[in-house]
Protein backbone atom coordinates (compact mmCIF):
# COMPACT_ATOMS: atom_id res chain seq x y z
CA MET A 1 -9.55 0.95 -29.64
CA VAL A 2 -6.14 0.70 -27.99
CA LYS A 3 -4.74 -2.79 -27.49
CA THR A 4 -3.53 -3.47 -23.96
CA LYS A 5 -1.81 -6.27 -22.13
CA GLU A 6 -2.42 -6.98 -18.46
CA VAL A 7 0.67 -7.41 -16.27
CA LEU A 8 1.11 -8.15 -12.57
CA LEU A 9 3.50 -6.01 -10.54
CA LYS A 10 4.89 -7.70 -7.42
CA MET A 11 6.96 -5.62 -5.05
CA GLU A 12 8.08 -5.37 -1.45
CA MET A 13 8.76 -2.04 0.20
CA LYS A 14 10.21 -1.47 3.66
CA ILE A 15 8.92 1.68 5.35
CA ASP A 16 10.08 3.19 8.66
CA ILE A 17 6.98 4.29 10.56
CA PRO A 18 7.41 6.07 13.92
CA GLN A 19 6.43 3.89 16.87
CA ASP A 20 3.83 6.38 18.15
CA ILE A 21 1.97 5.99 14.85
CA MET A 22 2.32 2.21 15.00
CA LEU A 23 0.57 2.23 18.38
CA ASP A 24 -2.29 4.49 17.24
CA LYS A 25 -4.70 2.46 15.06
CA LYS A 26 -6.43 5.52 13.61
CA ARG A 27 -3.19 7.23 12.59
CA LEU A 28 -1.74 3.96 11.30
CA ARG A 29 -4.75 3.36 9.03
CA SER A 30 -4.43 6.92 7.75
CA VAL A 31 -0.74 6.34 6.96
CA GLN A 32 -1.54 3.03 5.23
CA ARG A 33 -4.18 4.69 3.05
CA GLY A 34 -1.76 7.51 2.24
CA ILE A 35 0.93 5.05 1.17
CA LEU A 36 -1.47 3.23 -1.17
CA LYS A 37 -2.71 6.55 -2.56
CA ALA A 38 0.87 7.69 -3.25
CA ILE A 39 1.73 4.40 -4.96
CA SER A 40 -1.33 4.58 -7.20
CA LYS A 41 -0.92 8.26 -8.17
CA GLY A 42 1.76 7.72 -10.85
CA PRO A 43 -0.05 5.08 -12.93
CA TYR A 44 -3.31 7.05 -12.62
CA GLU A 45 -1.68 10.24 -13.89
CA GLU A 46 -0.26 8.30 -16.85
CA GLY A 47 -3.75 7.13 -17.78
CA LEU A 48 -3.18 3.47 -16.96
CA ALA A 49 -6.11 1.30 -15.93
CA PHE A 50 -5.16 -0.55 -12.76
CA LYS A 51 -6.54 -2.01 -9.57
CA ILE A 52 -4.67 -2.62 -6.32
CA VAL A 53 -5.74 -6.21 -5.73
CA LYS A 54 -3.93 -6.89 -2.47
CA ALA A 55 -1.96 -4.81 0.00
CA THR A 56 -0.69 -6.19 3.29
CA PHE A 57 1.19 -4.23 5.92
CA VAL A 58 3.30 -6.51 8.14
CA ASP A 59 5.24 -5.53 11.25
CA LEU A 60 8.68 -7.03 10.56
CA TYR A 61 9.55 -7.26 14.25
CA SER A 62 6.51 -9.15 15.48
CA SER A 63 4.75 -12.36 14.52
CA TYR A 64 1.36 -10.77 13.79
CA ASN A 65 -0.02 -8.53 11.07
CA LEU A 66 -0.74 -4.93 11.91
CA PRO A 67 -4.28 -3.95 12.81
CA GLY A 68 -6.13 -2.45 9.88
CA THR A 69 -4.22 -4.39 7.25
CA ILE A 70 -5.77 -3.48 3.93
C-alpha cells in the first residue's frame, strides 16, 4: 500500500467573467462548474485522491456573494 500525506491547498484566483454571463444565473452556474472541473482535472489525471471541500465565487465589486455560489 502506498503511504500518503494529506495536504490543504489554499488559493485565490481572480477571473474576468463577461458581464452578460454575470447577469445570467444559468450561464454563470455553468461557468462556475466549468472552472471547478478545469481546476480538478490535473490532480485527477495524475492519480491523486482529492476532494474540493469549499469553493466560493465572490463578486469583487459588490458586497454580496454571487447567486449559485458553490
